[in-house]
N, C-alpha and C. Protein backbone atom coordinates (compact mmCIF):
# COMPACT_ATOMS: atom_id res chain seq x y z
N PRO A 1 -20.55 69.69 16.49
CA PRO A 1 -20.33 68.32 16.05
C PRO A 1 -19.01 68.11 15.30
N VAL A 2 -18.53 69.14 14.58
CA VAL A 2 -17.30 68.94 13.80
C VAL A 2 -16.12 68.63 14.71
N LEU A 3 -16.05 69.26 15.87
CA LEU A 3 -14.94 68.99 16.78
C LEU A 3 -15.00 67.57 17.31
N MET A 4 -16.21 67.08 17.60
CA MET A 4 -16.38 65.71 18.06
C MET A 4 -15.98 64.74 16.96
N ASP A 5 -16.44 65.01 15.74
CA ASP A 5 -16.11 64.13 14.61
C ASP A 5 -14.60 64.09 14.37
N LEU A 6 -13.96 65.25 14.41
CA LEU A 6 -12.52 65.30 14.19
C LEU A 6 -11.78 64.60 15.31
N ALA A 7 -12.21 64.79 16.53
CA ALA A 7 -11.58 64.11 17.67
C ALA A 7 -11.69 62.60 17.52
N GLN A 8 -12.83 62.12 17.04
CA GLN A 8 -13.03 60.69 16.85
C GLN A 8 -12.13 60.15 15.74
N VAL A 9 -11.98 60.91 14.67
CA VAL A 9 -11.09 60.50 13.58
C VAL A 9 -9.65 60.42 14.08
N LEU A 10 -9.23 61.43 14.82
CA LEU A 10 -7.87 61.43 15.36
C LEU A 10 -7.64 60.26 16.31
N ALA A 11 -8.65 59.95 17.11
CA ALA A 11 -8.53 58.81 18.02
C ALA A 11 -8.40 57.50 17.23
N GLU A 12 -9.19 57.36 16.19
CA GLU A 12 -9.13 56.16 15.36
C GLU A 12 -7.74 55.98 14.76
N LEU A 13 -7.11 57.06 14.38
CA LEU A 13 -5.79 57.01 13.75
C LEU A 13 -4.65 57.08 14.77
N LYS A 14 -5.03 57.09 16.04
CA LYS A 14 -4.04 57.17 17.13
C LYS A 14 -3.16 58.42 17.01
N LEU A 15 -3.80 59.52 16.68
CA LEU A 15 -3.11 60.80 16.54
C LEU A 15 -3.50 61.80 17.62
N THR A 16 -4.34 61.39 18.56
CA THR A 16 -4.86 62.32 19.56
C THR A 16 -3.74 62.94 20.38
N VAL A 17 -2.85 62.13 20.90
CA VAL A 17 -1.78 62.64 21.76
C VAL A 17 -0.82 63.51 20.96
N GLN A 18 -0.47 63.04 19.78
CA GLN A 18 0.50 63.73 18.93
C GLN A 18 0.00 65.09 18.46
N CYS A 19 -1.26 65.17 18.05
CA CYS A 19 -1.70 66.41 17.42
C CYS A 19 -3.15 66.78 17.69
N GLY A 20 -3.76 66.20 18.69
CA GLY A 20 -5.17 66.47 18.95
C GLY A 20 -5.50 67.92 19.21
N ASP A 21 -4.79 68.55 20.13
CA ASP A 21 -5.08 69.94 20.47
C ASP A 21 -4.86 70.87 19.27
N ALA A 22 -3.75 70.64 18.56
CA ALA A 22 -3.45 71.49 17.40
C ALA A 22 -4.49 71.33 16.31
N ALA A 23 -4.96 70.10 16.10
CA ALA A 23 -5.97 69.86 15.07
C ALA A 23 -7.30 70.51 15.42
N LEU A 24 -7.69 70.41 16.66
CA LEU A 24 -8.96 71.02 17.07
C LEU A 24 -8.86 72.54 17.03
N SER A 25 -7.71 73.09 17.39
CA SER A 25 -7.51 74.54 17.31
C SER A 25 -7.56 75.00 15.86
N TRP A 26 -6.92 74.23 14.96
CA TRP A 26 -6.94 74.56 13.54
C TRP A 26 -8.38 74.60 13.04
N CYS A 27 -9.15 73.62 13.44
CA CYS A 27 -10.54 73.53 13.01
C CYS A 27 -11.32 74.76 13.47
N GLU A 28 -11.13 75.16 14.70
CA GLU A 28 -11.82 76.34 15.22
C GLU A 28 -11.36 77.61 14.50
N GLU A 29 -10.04 77.74 14.29
CA GLU A 29 -9.50 78.92 13.61
C GLU A 29 -10.01 79.04 12.17
N MET A 30 -10.14 77.89 11.50
CA MET A 30 -10.60 77.90 10.12
C MET A 30 -12.11 78.09 10.01
N GLY A 31 -12.82 77.93 11.12
CA GLY A 31 -14.26 78.10 11.12
C GLY A 31 -15.02 76.97 10.46
N ALA A 32 -14.41 75.79 10.43
CA ALA A 32 -15.09 74.64 9.82
C ALA A 32 -16.35 74.30 10.61
N ILE A 33 -17.44 74.12 9.89
CA ILE A 33 -18.70 73.81 10.57
C ILE A 33 -19.12 72.36 10.41
N ASP A 34 -18.50 71.64 9.48
CA ASP A 34 -18.77 70.20 9.38
C ASP A 34 -17.52 69.47 8.91
N ILE A 35 -17.54 68.17 9.09
CA ILE A 35 -16.36 67.36 8.82
C ILE A 35 -16.00 67.33 7.34
N SER A 36 -16.96 67.56 6.47
CA SER A 36 -16.64 67.59 5.04
C SER A 36 -15.73 68.77 4.71
N GLU A 37 -15.89 69.88 5.42
CA GLU A 37 -14.98 71.02 5.22
C GLU A 37 -13.56 70.67 5.66
N VAL A 38 -13.45 69.92 6.73
CA VAL A 38 -12.13 69.48 7.19
C VAL A 38 -11.53 68.55 6.14
N ALA A 39 -12.34 67.64 5.62
CA ALA A 39 -11.85 66.70 4.60
C ALA A 39 -11.39 67.45 3.34
N GLU A 40 -12.11 68.49 2.96
CA GLU A 40 -11.76 69.27 1.78
C GLU A 40 -10.44 70.02 1.96
N ASN A 41 -10.09 70.32 3.20
CA ASN A 41 -8.89 71.10 3.50
C ASN A 41 -7.84 70.28 4.24
N VAL A 42 -7.86 68.97 4.04
CA VAL A 42 -6.97 68.10 4.79
C VAL A 42 -5.50 68.39 4.51
N ASP A 43 -5.17 68.84 3.31
CA ASP A 43 -3.76 69.15 3.02
C ASP A 43 -3.26 70.27 3.92
N ASP A 44 -4.08 71.29 4.10
CA ASP A 44 -3.71 72.39 4.98
C ASP A 44 -3.59 71.92 6.42
N LEU A 45 -4.55 71.09 6.85
CA LEU A 45 -4.51 70.54 8.21
C LEU A 45 -3.26 69.69 8.40
N ALA A 46 -2.96 68.82 7.46
CA ALA A 46 -1.79 67.95 7.56
C ALA A 46 -0.51 68.76 7.63
N CYS A 47 -0.44 69.84 6.85
CA CYS A 47 0.72 70.73 6.88
C CYS A 47 0.84 71.40 8.24
N HIS A 48 -0.29 71.88 8.76
CA HIS A 48 -0.32 72.53 10.07
C HIS A 48 0.17 71.57 11.16
N LEU A 49 -0.15 70.29 11.00
CA LEU A 49 0.22 69.29 11.99
C LEU A 49 1.58 68.65 11.72
N SER A 50 2.20 69.04 10.61
CA SER A 50 3.50 68.48 10.21
C SER A 50 3.44 66.96 10.06
N LEU A 51 2.37 66.47 9.44
CA LEU A 51 2.23 65.03 9.24
C LEU A 51 3.03 64.57 8.04
N ASP A 52 3.55 63.35 8.11
CA ASP A 52 4.23 62.79 6.95
C ASP A 52 3.18 62.38 5.91
N LEU A 53 3.66 62.04 4.72
CA LEU A 53 2.75 61.76 3.61
C LEU A 53 1.82 60.59 3.90
N GLU A 54 2.34 59.52 4.44
CA GLU A 54 1.51 58.34 4.73
C GLU A 54 0.42 58.67 5.77
N THR A 55 0.79 59.38 6.80
CA THR A 55 -0.19 59.75 7.84
C THR A 55 -1.23 60.70 7.26
N SER A 56 -0.80 61.61 6.39
CA SER A 56 -1.74 62.52 5.72
C SER A 56 -2.75 61.74 4.89
N ARG A 57 -2.28 60.73 4.19
CA ARG A 57 -3.19 59.91 3.38
C ARG A 57 -4.17 59.13 4.25
N ARG A 58 -3.69 58.59 5.37
CA ARG A 58 -4.59 57.88 6.29
C ARG A 58 -5.65 58.83 6.84
N LEU A 59 -5.22 60.03 7.18
CA LEU A 59 -6.17 61.02 7.68
C LEU A 59 -7.20 61.36 6.61
N GLN A 60 -6.76 61.55 5.38
CA GLN A 60 -7.68 61.86 4.29
C GLN A 60 -8.71 60.75 4.10
N ARG A 61 -8.25 59.51 4.07
CA ARG A 61 -9.18 58.38 3.88
C ARG A 61 -10.22 58.32 4.99
N CYS A 62 -9.78 58.49 6.21
CA CYS A 62 -10.72 58.41 7.33
C CYS A 62 -11.70 59.58 7.32
N LEU A 63 -11.21 60.77 7.04
CA LEU A 63 -12.11 61.93 6.95
C LEU A 63 -13.12 61.76 5.83
N ASP A 64 -12.68 61.19 4.71
CA ASP A 64 -13.59 60.96 3.60
C ASP A 64 -14.72 60.02 4.00
N VAL A 65 -14.39 58.96 4.72
CA VAL A 65 -15.40 57.99 5.15
C VAL A 65 -16.42 58.67 6.06
N VAL A 66 -15.94 59.43 7.03
CA VAL A 66 -16.84 60.09 7.96
C VAL A 66 -17.67 61.16 7.25
N ALA A 67 -17.06 61.90 6.33
CA ALA A 67 -17.80 62.93 5.59
C ALA A 67 -18.90 62.32 4.73
N VAL A 68 -18.62 61.20 4.08
CA VAL A 68 -19.64 60.52 3.27
C VAL A 68 -20.82 60.09 4.14
N ALA A 69 -20.51 59.68 5.35
CA ALA A 69 -21.57 59.23 6.27
C ALA A 69 -22.36 60.40 6.83
N GLY A 70 -21.94 61.60 6.59
CA GLY A 70 -22.67 62.76 7.07
C GLY A 70 -22.04 63.41 8.27
N GLY A 71 -21.06 62.78 8.86
CA GLY A 71 -20.34 63.37 9.97
C GLY A 71 -21.07 63.37 11.29
N ASP A 72 -22.21 62.79 11.37
CA ASP A 72 -22.93 62.75 12.64
C ASP A 72 -22.36 61.68 13.54
N SER A 73 -22.47 61.91 14.85
CA SER A 73 -22.02 60.90 15.80
C SER A 73 -23.01 59.74 15.90
N TYR A 74 -24.24 59.96 15.54
CA TYR A 74 -25.25 58.91 15.57
C TYR A 74 -25.77 58.74 14.14
N PHE A 75 -25.49 57.60 13.55
CA PHE A 75 -25.82 57.39 12.16
C PHE A 75 -27.15 56.66 12.01
N ARG A 76 -27.92 57.17 11.05
CA ARG A 76 -29.12 56.42 10.67
C ARG A 76 -28.68 55.15 9.99
N GLU A 77 -29.56 54.18 9.92
CA GLU A 77 -29.22 52.87 9.37
C GLU A 77 -28.74 52.93 7.93
N ASP A 78 -29.34 53.79 7.12
CA ASP A 78 -28.92 53.85 5.72
C ASP A 78 -27.51 54.43 5.60
N ARG A 79 -27.14 55.37 6.46
CA ARG A 79 -25.78 55.89 6.43
C ARG A 79 -24.79 54.90 7.00
N ARG A 80 -25.24 54.10 7.98
CA ARG A 80 -24.36 53.11 8.59
C ARG A 80 -23.83 52.13 7.54
N ALA A 81 -24.66 51.72 6.59
CA ALA A 81 -24.23 50.79 5.54
C ALA A 81 -23.13 51.40 4.68
N VAL A 82 -23.28 52.69 4.35
CA VAL A 82 -22.24 53.38 3.58
C VAL A 82 -20.94 53.42 4.36
N LEU A 83 -21.04 53.76 5.63
CA LEU A 83 -19.85 53.86 6.47
C LEU A 83 -19.17 52.51 6.62
N GLU A 84 -19.95 51.47 6.88
CA GLU A 84 -19.35 50.15 7.07
C GLU A 84 -18.60 49.69 5.83
N SER A 85 -19.18 49.88 4.67
CA SER A 85 -18.50 49.44 3.45
C SER A 85 -17.26 50.29 3.21
N GLY A 86 -17.35 51.59 3.46
CA GLY A 86 -16.19 52.45 3.28
C GLY A 86 -15.07 52.13 4.25
N CYS A 87 -15.42 51.84 5.49
CA CYS A 87 -14.41 51.52 6.49
C CYS A 87 -13.75 50.20 6.19
N GLU A 88 -14.53 49.21 5.76
CA GLU A 88 -13.95 47.91 5.45
C GLU A 88 -12.99 48.03 4.28
N ASP A 89 -13.36 48.81 3.28
CA ASP A 89 -12.49 48.99 2.12
C ASP A 89 -11.18 49.65 2.49
N ARG A 90 -11.21 50.49 3.49
CA ARG A 90 -10.03 51.26 3.86
C ARG A 90 -9.37 50.75 5.13
N GLY A 91 -9.87 49.66 5.70
CA GLY A 91 -9.29 49.13 6.92
C GLY A 91 -9.57 49.99 8.13
N LEU A 92 -10.72 50.68 8.15
CA LEU A 92 -11.04 51.58 9.24
C LEU A 92 -12.28 51.14 10.00
N GLY A 93 -12.52 49.85 10.07
CA GLY A 93 -13.73 49.34 10.71
C GLY A 93 -13.89 49.77 12.15
N GLY A 94 -12.81 50.01 12.86
CA GLY A 94 -12.88 50.40 14.26
C GLY A 94 -13.54 51.74 14.50
N ILE A 95 -13.65 52.55 13.47
CA ILE A 95 -14.24 53.87 13.65
C ILE A 95 -15.72 53.76 14.04
N LEU A 96 -16.38 52.71 13.63
CA LEU A 96 -17.80 52.56 13.95
C LEU A 96 -18.06 52.53 15.44
N SER A 97 -17.19 51.88 16.18
CA SER A 97 -17.41 51.78 17.62
C SER A 97 -17.29 53.13 18.30
N ARG A 98 -16.55 54.04 17.72
CA ARG A 98 -16.40 55.37 18.32
C ARG A 98 -17.49 56.32 17.87
N LEU A 99 -18.16 56.03 16.78
CA LEU A 99 -19.15 56.95 16.24
C LEU A 99 -20.58 56.57 16.58
N THR A 100 -20.76 55.49 17.29
CA THR A 100 -22.12 55.09 17.64
C THR A 100 -22.34 55.17 19.12
């Protein structure tokens, strides 16, 4: 599931073409088992991907939202409310369509 979650985050941020393969490889190499681990290590991931500061911050915000929601591709209704409010606050509302 972590690879699917990360792929969805990258797609939301329009980073799939630029760094999708490298990000997924990093995730596998690091042995991350859930998206919260990726969120905790986003600085290392951003460095590995050579992201600029603004893009790194956008990635961090999006990963945080998905991690709070539990990182599942199918959200229970109670988690959906958390995700919707987090996405609206951060301008990431489009992520819901990819995660459901």
